[in-house]
Amino acid sequence: KVRVKALDASGREVRLKAEGFLARVLQHEIDHTNGIVFID
């Protein structure tokens, strides 16, 4: 499980709680923004 904050395409802040596969996907993609690839 993770809690994430971001901006949407209109520039408004959004917050979401995710679990399961969505939580995994969010961690994977946020890693990309930090220069981390899943194999690391």
PDB file of all heavy atoms in Angstrom:
ATOM      1  N   LYS A   1       0.852  -1.198   0.000  1.00  0.00           N
ATOM      2  CA  LYS A   1       0.000   0.000   0.000  1.00  0.00           C
ATOM      3  C   LYS A   1       0.881   1.239   0.000  1.00  0.00           C
ATOM      4  O   LYS A   1       1.941   1.260   0.632  1.00  0.00           O
ATOM      5  CB  LYS A   1      -0.887   0.045   1.244  1.00  0.00           C
ATOM      6  CG  LYS A   1      -1.850  -1.104   1.383  1.00  0.00           C
ATOM      7  CD  LYS A   1      -2.632  -0.976   2.674  1.00  0.00           C
ATOM      8  CE  LYS A   1      -3.541  -2.175   2.862  1.00  0.00           C
ATOM      9  NZ  LYS A   1      -4.298  -2.079   4.121  1.00  0.00           N
ATOM     10  N   VAL A   2       0.421   2.272  -0.694  1.00  0.00           N
ATOM     11  CA  VAL A   2       1.112   3.561  -0.685  1.00  0.00           C
ATOM     12  C   VAL A   2       0.099   4.693  -0.724  1.00  0.00           C
ATOM     13  O   VAL A   2      -1.041   4.510  -1.175  1.00  0.00           O
ATOM     14  CB  VAL A   2       2.087   3.738  -1.884  1.00  0.00           C
ATOM     15  CG1 VAL A   2       3.281   2.825  -1.773  1.00  0.00           C
ATOM     16  CG2 VAL A   2       1.381   3.571  -3.210  1.00  0.00           C
ATOM     17  N   ARG A   3       0.554   5.839  -0.259  1.00  0.00           N
ATOM     18  CA  ARG A   3      -0.212   7.084  -0.422  1.00  0.00           C
ATOM     19  C   ARG A   3       0.636   7.998  -1.286  1.00  0.00           C
ATOM     20  O   ARG A   3       1.841   8.162  -1.047  1.00  0.00           O
ATOM     21  CB  ARG A   3      -0.485   7.736   0.927  1.00  0.00           C
ATOM     22  CG  ARG A   3      -1.418   6.908   1.785  1.00  0.00           C
ATOM     23  CD  ARG A   3      -1.579   7.535   3.145  1.00  0.00           C
ATOM     24  NE  ARG A   3      -2.261   6.620   4.033  1.00  0.00           N
ATOM     25  CZ  ARG A   3      -3.428   6.876   4.608  1.00  0.00           C
ATOM     26  NH1 ARG A   3      -4.037   8.025   4.401  1.00  0.00           N
ATOM     27  NH2 ARG A   3      -3.973   5.990   5.403  1.00  0.00           N
ATOM     28  N   VAL A   4       0.007   8.582  -2.291  1.00  0.00           N
ATOM     29  CA  VAL A   4       0.726   9.376  -3.297  1.00  0.00           C
ATOM     30  C   VAL A   4       0.075  10.743  -3.431  1.00  0.00           C
ATOM     31  O   VAL A   4      -1.153  10.870  -3.356  1.00  0.00           O
ATOM     32  CB  VAL A   4       0.699   8.643  -4.667  1.00  0.00           C
ATOM     33  CG1 VAL A   4       1.277   9.509  -5.777  1.00  0.00           C
ATOM     34  CG2 VAL A   4       1.445   7.318  -4.567  1.00  0.00           C
ATOM     35  N   LYS A   5       0.909  11.761  -3.638  1.00  0.00           N
ATOM     36  CA  LYS A   5       0.376  13.069  -4.018  1.00  0.00           C
ATOM     37  C   LYS A   5       1.029  13.460  -5.326  1.00  0.00           C
ATOM     38  O   LYS A   5       2.168  13.078  -5.634  1.00  0.00           O
ATOM     39  CB  LYS A   5       0.582  14.115  -2.930  1.00  0.00           C
ATOM     40  CG  LYS A   5       1.974  14.629  -2.779  1.00  0.00           C
ATOM     41  CD  LYS A   5       2.014  15.760  -1.760  1.00  0.00           C
ATOM     42  CE  LYS A   5       3.403  16.328  -1.659  1.00  0.00           C
ATOM     43  NZ  LYS A   5       3.479  17.478  -0.754  1.00  0.00           N
ATOM     44  N   ALA A   6       0.273  14.214  -6.123  1.00  0.00           N
ATOM     45  CA  ALA A   6       0.738  14.636  -7.453  1.00  0.00           C
ATOM     46  C   ALA A   6      -0.144  15.784  -7.923  1.00  0.00           C
ATOM     47  O   ALA A   6      -1.068  16.202  -7.220  1.00  0.00           O
ATOM     48  CB  ALA A   6       0.649  13.462  -8.430  1.00  0.00           C
ATOM     49  N   LEU A   7       0.132  16.244  -9.124  1.00  0.00           N
ATOM     50  CA  LEU A   7      -0.749  17.185  -9.814  1.00  0.00           C
ATOM     51  C   LEU A   7      -1.427  16.429 -10.939  1.00  0.00           C
ATOM     52  O   LEU A   7      -0.837  15.517 -11.526  1.00  0.00           O
ATOM     53  CB  LEU A   7       0.046  18.354 -10.397  1.00  0.00           C
ATOM     54  CG  LEU A   7       0.832  19.221  -9.419  1.00  0.00           C
ATOM     55  CD1 LEU A   7       1.637  20.283 -10.185  1.00  0.00           C
ATOM     56  CD2 LEU A   7      -0.083  19.859  -8.393  1.00  0.00           C
ATOM     57  N   ASP A   8      -2.650  16.819 -11.277  1.00  0.00           N
ATOM     58  CA  ASP A   8      -3.314  16.231 -12.437  1.00  0.00           C
ATOM     59  C   ASP A   8      -2.993  17.058 -13.676  1.00  0.00           C
ATOM     60  O   ASP A   8      -2.226  18.029 -13.612  1.00  0.00           O
ATOM     61  CB  ASP A   8      -4.825  16.068 -12.201  1.00  0.00           C
ATOM     62  CG  ASP A   8      -5.587  17.385 -12.089  1.00  0.00           C
ATOM     63  OD1 ASP A   8      -5.030  18.476 -12.414  1.00  0.00           O
ATOM     64  OD2 ASP A   8      -6.762  17.345 -11.687  1.00  0.00           O
ATOM     65  N   ALA A   9      -3.575  16.697 -14.806  1.00  0.00           N
ATOM     66  CA  ALA A   9      -3.270  17.375 -16.075  1.00  0.00           C
ATOM     67  C   ALA A   9      -3.726  18.830 -16.095  1.00  0.00           C
ATOM     68  O   ALA A   9      -3.300  19.600 -16.958  1.00  0.00           O
ATOM     69  CB  ALA A   9      -3.902  16.608 -17.237  1.00  0.00           C
ATOM     70  N   SER A  10      -4.569  19.217 -15.131  1.00  0.00           N
ATOM     71  CA  SER A  10      -4.994  20.618 -15.030  1.00  0.00           C
ATOM     72  C   SER A  10      -4.161  21.407 -14.033  1.00  0.00           C
ATOM     73  O   SER A  10      -4.392  22.595 -13.831  1.00  0.00           O
ATOM     74  CB  SER A  10      -6.475  20.684 -14.617  1.00  0.00           C
ATOM     75  OG  SER A  10      -7.269  20.051 -15.579  1.00  0.00           O
ATOM     76  N   GLY A  11      -3.222  20.724 -13.372  1.00  0.00           N
ATOM     77  CA  GLY A  11      -2.371  21.399 -12.406  1.00  0.00           C
ATOM     78  C   GLY A  11      -2.928  21.401 -10.995  1.00  0.00           C
ATOM     79  O   GLY A  11      -2.364  22.047 -10.106  1.00  0.00           O
ATOM     80  N   ARG A  12      -4.023  20.691 -10.755  1.00  0.00           N
ATOM     81  CA  ARG A  12      -4.614  20.600  -9.415  1.00  0.00           C
ATOM     82  C   ARG A  12      -3.960  19.468  -8.635  1.00  0.00           C
ATOM     83  O   ARG A  12      -3.671  18.410  -9.193  1.00  0.00           O
ATOM     84  CB  ARG A  12      -6.117  20.352  -9.492  1.00  0.00           C
ATOM     85  CG  ARG A  12      -6.909  21.508 -10.080  1.00  0.00           C
ATOM     86  CD  ARG A  12      -8.400  21.224 -10.019  1.00  0.00           C
ATOM     87  NE  ARG A  12      -8.731  20.082 -10.851  1.00  0.00           N
ATOM     88  CZ  ARG A  12      -9.253  20.146 -12.073  1.00  0.00           C
ATOM     89  NH1 ARG A  12      -9.519  21.309 -12.601  1.00  0.00           N
ATOM     90  NH2 ARG A  12      -9.509  19.055 -12.752  1.00  0.00           N
ATOM     91  N   GLU A  13      -3.775  19.675  -7.335  1.00  0.00           N
ATOM     92  CA  GLU A  13      -3.189  18.621  -6.503  1.00  0.00           C
ATOM     93  C   GLU A  13      -4.192  17.484  -6.319  1.00  0.00           C
ATOM     94  O   GLU A  13      -5.391  17.728  -6.104  1.00  0.00           O
ATOM     95  CB  GLU A  13      -2.777  19.162  -5.138  1.00  0.00           C
ATOM     96  CG  GLU A  13      -2.089  18.089  -4.290  1.00  0.00           C
ATOM     97  CD  GLU A  13      -1.579  18.602  -2.968  1.00  0.00           C
ATOM     98  OE1 GLU A  13      -0.600  19.372  -2.979  1.00  0.00           O
ATOM     99  OE2 GLU A  13      -2.159  18.223  -1.931  1.00  0.00           O
ATOM    100  N   VAL A  14      -3.698  16.282  -6.430  1.00  0.00           N
ATOM    101  CA  VAL A  14      -4.510  15.088  -6.161  1.00  0.00           C
ATOM    102  C   VAL A  14      -3.748  14.229  -5.154  1.00  0.00           C
ATOM    103  O   VAL A  14      -2.517  14.228  -5.131  1.00  0.00           O
ATOM    104  CB  VAL A  14      -4.801  14.271  -7.444  1.00  0.00           C
ATOM    105  CG1 VAL A  14      -5.708  15.036  -8.389  1.00  0.00           C
ATOM    106  CG2 VAL A  14      -3.525  13.862  -8.151  1.00  0.00           C
ATOM    107  N   ARG A  15      -4.505  13.535  -4.330  1.00  0.00           N
ATOM    108  CA  ARG A  15      -3.930  12.584  -3.377  1.00  0.00           C
ATOM    109  C   ARG A  15      -4.686  11.286  -3.537  1.00  0.00           C
ATOM    110  O   ARG A  15      -5.897  11.285  -3.718  1.00  0.00           O
ATOM    111  CB  ARG A  15      -4.058  13.094  -1.945  1.00  0.00           C
ATOM    112  CG  ARG A  15      -3.176  14.308  -1.688  1.00  0.00           C
ATOM    113  CD  ARG A  15      -3.251  14.765  -0.233  1.00  0.00           C
ATOM    114  NE  ARG A  15      -2.316  15.838  -0.008  1.00  0.00           N
ATOM    115  CZ  ARG A  15      -1.119  15.689   0.537  1.00  0.00           C
ATOM    116  NH1 ARG A  15      -0.697  14.489   0.896  1.00  0.00           N
ATOM    117  NH2 ARG A  15      -0.325  16.715   0.726  1.00  0.00           N
ATOM    118  N   LEU A  16      -3.951  10.192  -3.497  1.00  0.00           N
ATOM    119  CA  LEU A  16      -4.627   8.905  -3.625  1.00  0.00           C
ATOM    120  C   LEU A  16      -3.983   7.859  -2.744  1.00  0.00           C
ATOM    121  O   LEU A  16      -2.802   7.922  -2.429  1.00  0.00           O
ATOM    122  CB  LEU A  16      -4.659   8.444  -5.081  1.00  0.00           C
ATOM    123  CG  LEU A  16      -3.359   8.378  -5.845  1.00  0.00           C
ATOM    124  CD1 LEU A  16      -3.207   6.990  -6.440  1.00  0.00           C
ATOM    125  CD2 LEU A  16      -3.406   9.405  -6.962  1.00  0.00           C
ATOM    126  N   LYS A  17      -4.811   6.917  -2.338  1.00  0.00           N
ATOM    127  CA  LYS A  17      -4.356   5.739  -1.611  1.00  0.00           C
ATOM    128  C   LYS A  17      -4.460   4.574  -2.584  1.00  0.00           C
ATOM    129  O   LYS A  17      -5.472   4.431  -3.264  1.00  0.00           O
ATOM    130  CB  LYS A  17      -5.254   5.478  -0.396  1.00  0.00           C
ATOM    131  CG  LYS A  17      -5.091   6.502   0.701  1.00  0.00           C
ATOM    132  CD  LYS A  17      -6.141   6.418   1.779  1.00  0.00           C
ATOM    133  CE  LYS A  17      -6.320   5.054   2.376  1.00  0.00           C
ATOM    134  NZ  LYS A  17      -7.257   5.062   3.527  1.00  0.00           N
ATOM    135  N   ALA A  18      -3.416   3.778  -2.653  1.00  0.00           N
ATOM    136  CA  ALA A  18      -3.418   2.656  -3.590  1.00  0.00           C
ATOM    137  C   ALA A  18      -2.939   1.412  -2.864  1.00  0.00           C
ATOM    138  O   ALA A  18      -2.123   1.481  -1.949  1.00  0.00           O
ATOM    139  CB  ALA A  18      -2.519   2.960  -4.780  1.00  0.00           C
ATOM    140  N   GLU A  19      -3.450   0.272  -3.316  1.00  0.00           N
ATOM    141  CA  GLU A  19      -2.969  -0.994  -2.784  1.00  0.00           C
ATOM    142  C   GLU A  19      -2.906  -2.023  -3.901  1.00  0.00           C
ATOM    143  O   GLU A  19      -3.409  -1.796  -4.998  1.00  0.00           O
ATOM    144  CB  GLU A  19      -3.842  -1.481  -1.623  1.00  0.00           C
ATOM    145  CG  GLU A  19      -5.284  -1.728  -1.958  1.00  0.00           C
ATOM    146  CD  GLU A  19      -6.064  -2.152  -0.712  1.00  0.00           C
ATOM    147  OE1 GLU A  19      -6.532  -1.259   0.016  1.00  0.00           O
ATOM    148  OE2 GLU A  19      -6.194  -3.373  -0.478  1.00  0.00           O
ATOM    149  N   GLY A  20      -2.244  -3.117  -3.625  1.00  0.00           N
ATOM    150  CA  GLY A  20      -2.140  -4.194  -4.600  1.00  0.00           C
ATOM    151  C   GLY A  20      -1.348  -3.784  -5.828  1.00  0.00           C
ATOM    152  O   GLY A  20      -0.325  -3.094  -5.734  1.00  0.00           O
ATOM    153  N   PHE A  21      -1.857  -4.197  -6.998  1.00  0.00           N
ATOM    154  CA  PHE A  21      -1.144  -3.958  -8.250  1.00  0.00           C
ATOM    155  C   PHE A  21      -0.958  -2.467  -8.535  1.00  0.00           C
ATOM    156  O   PHE A  21       0.101  -2.041  -8.992  1.00  0.00           O
ATOM    157  CB  PHE A  21      -1.867  -4.655  -9.406  1.00  0.00           C
ATOM    158  CG  PHE A  21      -1.118  -4.599 -10.705  1.00  0.00           C
ATOM    159  CD1 PHE A  21       0.086  -5.280 -10.855  1.00  0.00           C
ATOM    160  CD2 PHE A  21      -1.601  -3.872 -11.780  1.00  0.00           C
ATOM    161  CE1 PHE A  21       0.794  -5.227 -12.059  1.00  0.00           C
ATOM    162  CE2 PHE A  21      -0.913  -3.813 -12.985  1.00  0.00           C
ATOM    163  CZ  PHE A  21       0.287  -4.489 -13.116  1.00  0.00           C
ATOM    164  N   LEU A  22      -1.980  -1.651  -8.246  1.00  0.00           N
ATOM    165  CA  LEU A  22      -1.853  -0.210  -8.473  1.00  0.00           C
ATOM    166  C   LEU A  22      -0.725   0.374  -7.618  1.00  0.00           C
ATOM    167  O   LEU A  22       0.061   1.200  -8.100  1.00  0.00           O
ATOM    168  CB  LEU A  22      -3.169   0.515  -8.195  1.00  0.00           C
ATOM    169  CG  LEU A  22      -3.144   2.038  -8.341  1.00  0.00           C
ATOM    170  CD1 LEU A  22      -2.711   2.476  -9.733  1.00  0.00           C
ATOM    171  CD2 LEU A  22      -4.517   2.634  -7.997  1.00  0.00           C
ATOM    172  N   ALA A  23      -0.618  -0.046  -6.373  1.00  0.00           N
ATOM    173  CA  ALA A  23       0.473   0.429  -5.514  1.00  0.00           C
ATOM    174  C   ALA A  23       1.824   0.043  -6.110  1.00  0.00           C
ATOM    175  O   ALA A  23       2.770   0.840  -6.119  1.00  0.00           O
ATOM    176  CB  ALA A  23       0.325  -0.146  -4.105  1.00  0.00           C
ATOM    177  N   ARG A  24       1.927  -1.167  -6.632  1.00  0.00           N
ATOM    178  CA  ARG A  24       3.164  -1.641  -7.256  1.00  0.00           C
ATOM    179  C   ARG A  24       3.501  -0.786  -8.481  1.00  0.00           C
ATOM    180  O   ARG A  24       4.651  -0.359  -8.668  1.00  0.00           O
ATOM    181  CB  ARG A  24       3.005  -3.111  -7.657  1.00  0.00           C
ATOM    182  CG  ARG A  24       4.217  -3.698  -8.366  1.00  0.00           C
ATOM    183  CD  ARG A  24       4.109  -5.210  -8.483  1.00  0.00           C
ATOM    184  NE  ARG A  24       4.140  -5.844  -7.177  1.00  0.00           N
ATOM    185  CZ  ARG A  24       5.253  -6.077  -6.478  1.00  0.00           C
ATOM    186  NH1 ARG A  24       6.425  -5.751  -6.983  1.00  0.00           N
ATOM    187  NH2 ARG A  24       5.194  -6.629  -5.286  1.00  0.00           N
ATOM    188  N   VAL A  25       2.510  -0.533  -9.325  1.00  0.00           N
ATOM    189  CA  VAL A  25       2.726   0.265 -10.538  1.00  0.00           C
ATOM    190  C   VAL A  25       3.179   1.682 -10.178  1.00  0.00           C
ATOM    191  O   VAL A  25       4.112   2.216 -10.782  1.00  0.00           O
ATOM    192  CB  VAL A  25       1.444   0.284 -11.407  1.00  0.00           C
ATOM    193  CG1 VAL A  25       1.535   1.321 -12.510  1.00  0.00           C
ATOM    194  CG2 VAL A  25       1.166  -1.096 -11.980  1.00  0.00           C
ATOM    195  N   LEU A  26       2.542   2.283  -9.186  1.00  0.00           N
ATOM    196  CA  LEU A  26       2.920   3.641  -8.791  1.00  0.00           C
ATOM    197  C   LEU A  26       4.362   3.687  -8.276  1.00  0.00           C
ATOM    198  O   LEU A  26       5.129   4.593  -8.634  1.00  0.00           O
ATOM    199  CB  LEU A  26       1.950   4.177  -7.737  1.00  0.00           C
ATOM    200  CG  LEU A  26       0.554   4.497  -8.258  1.00  0.00           C
ATOM    201  CD1 LEU A  26      -0.402   4.754  -7.092  1.00  0.00           C
ATOM    202  CD2 LEU A  26       0.566   5.681  -9.214  1.00  0.00           C
ATOM    203  N   GLN A  27       4.756   2.713  -7.468  1.00  0.00           N
ATOM    204  CA  GLN A  27       6.132   2.672  -6.972  1.00  0.00           C
ATOM    205  C   GLN A  27       7.118   2.511  -8.132  1.00  0.00           C
ATOM    206  O   GLN A  27       8.162   3.168  -8.168  1.00  0.00           O
ATOM    207  CB  GLN A  27       6.290   1.534  -5.965  1.00  0.00           C
ATOM    208  CG  GLN A  27       5.570   1.807  -4.647  1.00  0.00           C
ATOM    209  CD  GLN A  27       5.521   0.579  -3.766  1.00  0.00           C
ATOM    210  OE1 GLN A  27       6.486   0.300  -3.056  1.00  0.00           O
ATOM    211  NE2 GLN A  27       4.417  -0.156  -3.811  1.00  0.00           N
ATOM    212  N   HIS A  28       6.775   1.650  -9.088  1.00  0.00           N
ATOM    213  CA  HIS A  28       7.623   1.405 -10.257  1.00  0.00           C
ATOM    214  C   HIS A  28       7.817   2.700 -11.053  1.00  0.00           C
ATOM    215  O   HIS A  28       8.947   3.054 -11.425  1.00  0.00           O
ATOM    216  CB  HIS A  28       6.960   0.319 -11.110  1.00  0.00           C
ATOM    217  CG  HIS A  28       7.679  -0.038 -12.363  1.00  0.00           C
ATOM    218  ND1 HIS A  28       8.272  -1.262 -12.559  1.00  0.00           N
ATOM    219  CD2 HIS A  28       7.894   0.660 -13.518  1.00  0.00           C
ATOM    220  CE1 HIS A  28       8.812  -1.313 -13.762  1.00  0.00           C
ATOM    221  NE2 HIS A  28       8.594  -0.146 -14.364  1.00  0.00           N
ATOM    222  N   GLU A  29       6.736   3.408 -11.324  1.00  0.00           N
ATOM    223  CA  GLU A  29       6.824   4.625 -12.149  1.00  0.00           C
ATOM    224  C   GLU A  29       7.496   5.779 -11.414  1.00  0.00           C
ATOM    225  O   GLU A  29       8.270   6.535 -12.006  1.00  0.00           O
ATOM    226  CB  GLU A  29       5.434   5.035 -12.649  1.00  0.00           C
ATOM    227  CG  GLU A  29       4.786   4.027 -13.575  1.00  0.00           C
ATOM    228  CD  GLU A  29       5.661   3.594 -14.751  1.00  0.00           C
ATOM    229  OE1 GLU A  29       6.392   4.435 -15.316  1.00  0.00           O
ATOM    230  OE2 GLU A  29       5.616   2.400 -15.104  1.00  0.00           O
ATOM    231  N   ILE A  30       7.216   5.914 -10.136  1.00  0.00           N
ATOM    232  CA  ILE A  30       7.869   6.977  -9.365  1.00  0.00           C
ATOM    233  C   ILE A  30       9.362   6.690  -9.274  1.00  0.00           C
ATOM    234  O   ILE A  30      10.192   7.608  -9.330  1.00  0.00           O
ATOM    235  CB  ILE A  30       7.182   7.165  -8.003  1.00  0.00           C
ATOM    236  CG1 ILE A  30       5.765   7.748  -8.236  1.00  0.00           C
ATOM    237  CG2 ILE A  30       7.999   8.069  -7.084  1.00  0.00           C
ATOM    238  CD1 ILE A  30       4.867   7.767  -7.019  1.00  0.00           C
ATOM    239  N   ASP A  31       9.735   5.409  -9.176  1.00  0.00           N
ATOM    240  CA  ASP A  31      11.156   5.049  -9.262  1.00  0.00           C
ATOM    241  C   ASP A  31      11.770   5.578 -10.556  1.00  0.00           C
ATOM    242  O   ASP A  31      12.884   6.117 -10.542  1.00  0.00           O
ATOM    243  CB  ASP A  31      11.337   3.526  -9.223  1.00  0.00           C
ATOM    244  CG  ASP A  31      11.438   2.959  -7.821  1.00  0.00           C
ATOM    245  OD1 ASP A  31      11.419   3.737  -6.840  1.00  0.00           O
ATOM    246  OD2 ASP A  31      11.529   1.723  -7.702  1.00  0.00           O
ATOM    247  N   HIS A  32      11.064   5.428 -11.670  1.00  0.00           N
ATOM    248  CA  HIS A  32      11.597   5.928 -12.951  1.00  0.00           C
ATOM    249  C   HIS A  32      11.928   7.413 -12.863  1.00  0.00           C
ATOM    250  O   HIS A  32      12.954   7.847 -13.405  1.00  0.00           O
ATOM    251  CB  HIS A  32      10.590   5.713 -14.084  1.00  0.00           C
ATOM    252  CG  HIS A  32      10.704   4.404 -14.774  1.00  0.00           C
ATOM    253  ND1 HIS A  32      11.875   3.931 -15.326  1.00  0.00           N
ATOM    254  CD2 HIS A  32       9.763   3.443 -15.020  1.00  0.00           C
ATOM    255  CE1 HIS A  32      11.661   2.744 -15.876  1.00  0.00           C
ATOM    256  NE2 HIS A  32      10.396   2.428 -15.695  1.00  0.00           N
ATOM    257  N   THR A  33      11.082   8.191 -12.203  1.00  0.00           N
ATOM    258  CA  THR A  33      11.348   9.636 -12.109  1.00  0.00           C
ATOM    259  C   THR A  33      12.577   9.928 -11.254  1.00  0.00           C
ATOM    260  O   THR A  33      13.118  11.025 -11.308  1.00  0.00           O
ATOM    261  CB  THR A  33      10.129  10.416 -11.555  1.00  0.00           C
ATOM    262  OG1 THR A  33       9.927  10.082 -10.180  1.00  0.00           O
ATOM    263  CG2 THR A  33       8.873  10.156 -12.365  1.00  0.00           C
ATOM    264  N   ASN A  34      13.008   8.925 -10.487  1.00  0.00           N
ATOM    265  CA  ASN A  34      14.193   9.062  -9.637  1.00  0.00           C
ATOM    266  C   ASN A  34      15.415   8.323 -10.189  1.00  0.00           C
ATOM    267  O   ASN A  34      16.407   8.135  -9.487  1.00  0.00           O
ATOM    268  CB  ASN A  34      13.882   8.568  -8.220  1.00  0.00           C
ATOM    269  CG  ASN A  34      12.910   9.492  -7.520  1.00  0.00           C
ATOM    270  OD1 ASN A  34      13.092  10.703  -7.519  1.00  0.00           O
ATOM    271  ND2 ASN A  34      11.856   8.941  -6.957  1.00  0.00           N
ATOM    272  N   GLY A  35      15.327   7.873 -11.435  1.00  0.00           N
ATOM    273  CA  GLY A  35      16.456   7.207 -12.072  1.00  0.00           C
ATOM    274  C   GLY A  35      16.670   5.771 -11.620  1.00  0.00           C
ATOM    275  O   GLY A  35      17.775   5.249 -11.728  1.00  0.00           O
ATOM    276  N   ILE A  36      15.623   5.136 -11.134  1.00  0.00           N
ATOM    277  CA  ILE A  36      15.704   3.758 -10.641  1.00  0.00           C
ATOM    278  C   ILE A  36      14.888   2.856 -11.556  1.00  0.00           C
ATOM    279  O   ILE A  36      13.747   3.176 -11.905  1.00  0.00           O
ATOM    280  CB  ILE A  36      15.171   3.667  -9.200  1.00  0.00           C
ATOM    281  CG1 ILE A  36      16.004   4.564  -8.279  1.00  0.00           C
ATOM    282  CG2 ILE A  36      15.166   2.219  -8.705  1.00  0.00           C
ATOM    283  CD1 ILE A  36      15.397   4.776  -6.909  1.00  0.00           C
ATOM    284  N   VAL A  37      15.463   1.712 -11.933  1.00  0.00           N
ATOM    285  CA  VAL A  37      14.795   0.726 -12.772  1.00  0.00           C
ATOM    286  C   VAL A  37      14.487  -0.494 -11.895  1.00  0.00           C
ATOM    287  O   VAL A  37      15.236  -0.794 -10.964  1.00  0.00           O
ATOM    288  CB  VAL A  37      15.681   0.336 -13.977  1.00  0.00           C
ATOM    289  CG1 VAL A  37      15.002  -0.655 -14.884  1.00  0.00           C
ATOM    290  CG2 VAL A  37      16.074   1.592 -14.756  1.00  0.00           C
ATOM    291  N   PHE A  38      13.404  -1.202 -12.184  1.00  0.00           N
ATOM    292  CA  PHE A  38      12.948  -2.271 -11.290  1.00  0.00           C
ATOM    293  C   PHE A  38      14.012  -3.305 -10.953  1.00  0.00           C
ATOM    294  O   PHE A  38      14.050  -3.836  -9.842  1.00  0.00           O
ATOM    295  CB  PHE A  38      11.681  -2.950 -11.835  1.00  0.00           C
ATOM    296  CG  PHE A  38      11.895  -3.988 -12.900  1.00  0.00           C
ATOM    297  CD1 PHE A  38      12.103  -5.323 -12.576  1.00  0.00           C
ATOM    298  CD2 PHE A  38      11.881  -3.635 -14.248  1.00  0.00           C
ATOM    299  CE1 PHE A  38      12.300  -6.280 -13.554  1.00  0.00           C
ATOM    300  CE2 PHE A  38      12.068  -4.591 -15.236  1.00  0.00           C
ATOM    301  CZ  PHE A  38      12.286  -5.918 -14.886  1.00  0.00           C
ATOM    302  N   ILE A  39      14.919  -3.595 -11.882  1.00  0.00           N
ATOM    303  CA  ILE A  39      15.947  -4.604 -11.609  1.00  0.00           C
ATOM    304  C   ILE A  39      16.882  -4.172 -10.480  1.00  0.00           C
ATOM    305  O   ILE A  39      17.522  -5.018  -9.850  1.00  0.00           O
ATOM    306  CB  ILE A  39      16.755  -4.968 -12.875  1.00  0.00           C
ATOM    307  CG1 ILE A  39      17.444  -3.754 -13.462  1.00  0.00           C
ATOM    308  CG2 ILE A  39      15.884  -5.667 -13.897  1.00  0.00           C
ATOM    309  CD1 ILE A  39      18.371  -4.046 -14.627  1.00  0.00           C
ATOM    310  N   ASP A  40      16.942  -2.872 -10.187  1.00  0.00           N
ATOM    311  CA  ASP A  40      17.794  -2.367  -9.109  1.00  0.00           C
ATOM    312  C   ASP A  40      17.318  -2.840  -7.733  1.00  0.00           C
ATOM    313  O   ASP A  40      18.085  -2.818  -6.774  1.00  0.00           O
ATOM    314  CB  ASP A  40      17.842  -0.838  -9.124  1.00  0.00           C
ATOM    315  CG  ASP A  40      18.393  -0.279 -10.421  1.00  0.00           C
ATOM    316  OD1 ASP A  40      19.132  -1.014 -11.116  1.00  0.00           O
ATOM    317  OD2 ASP A  40      18.081   0.877 -10.749  1.00  0.00           O
TER     318      ASP A  40
END
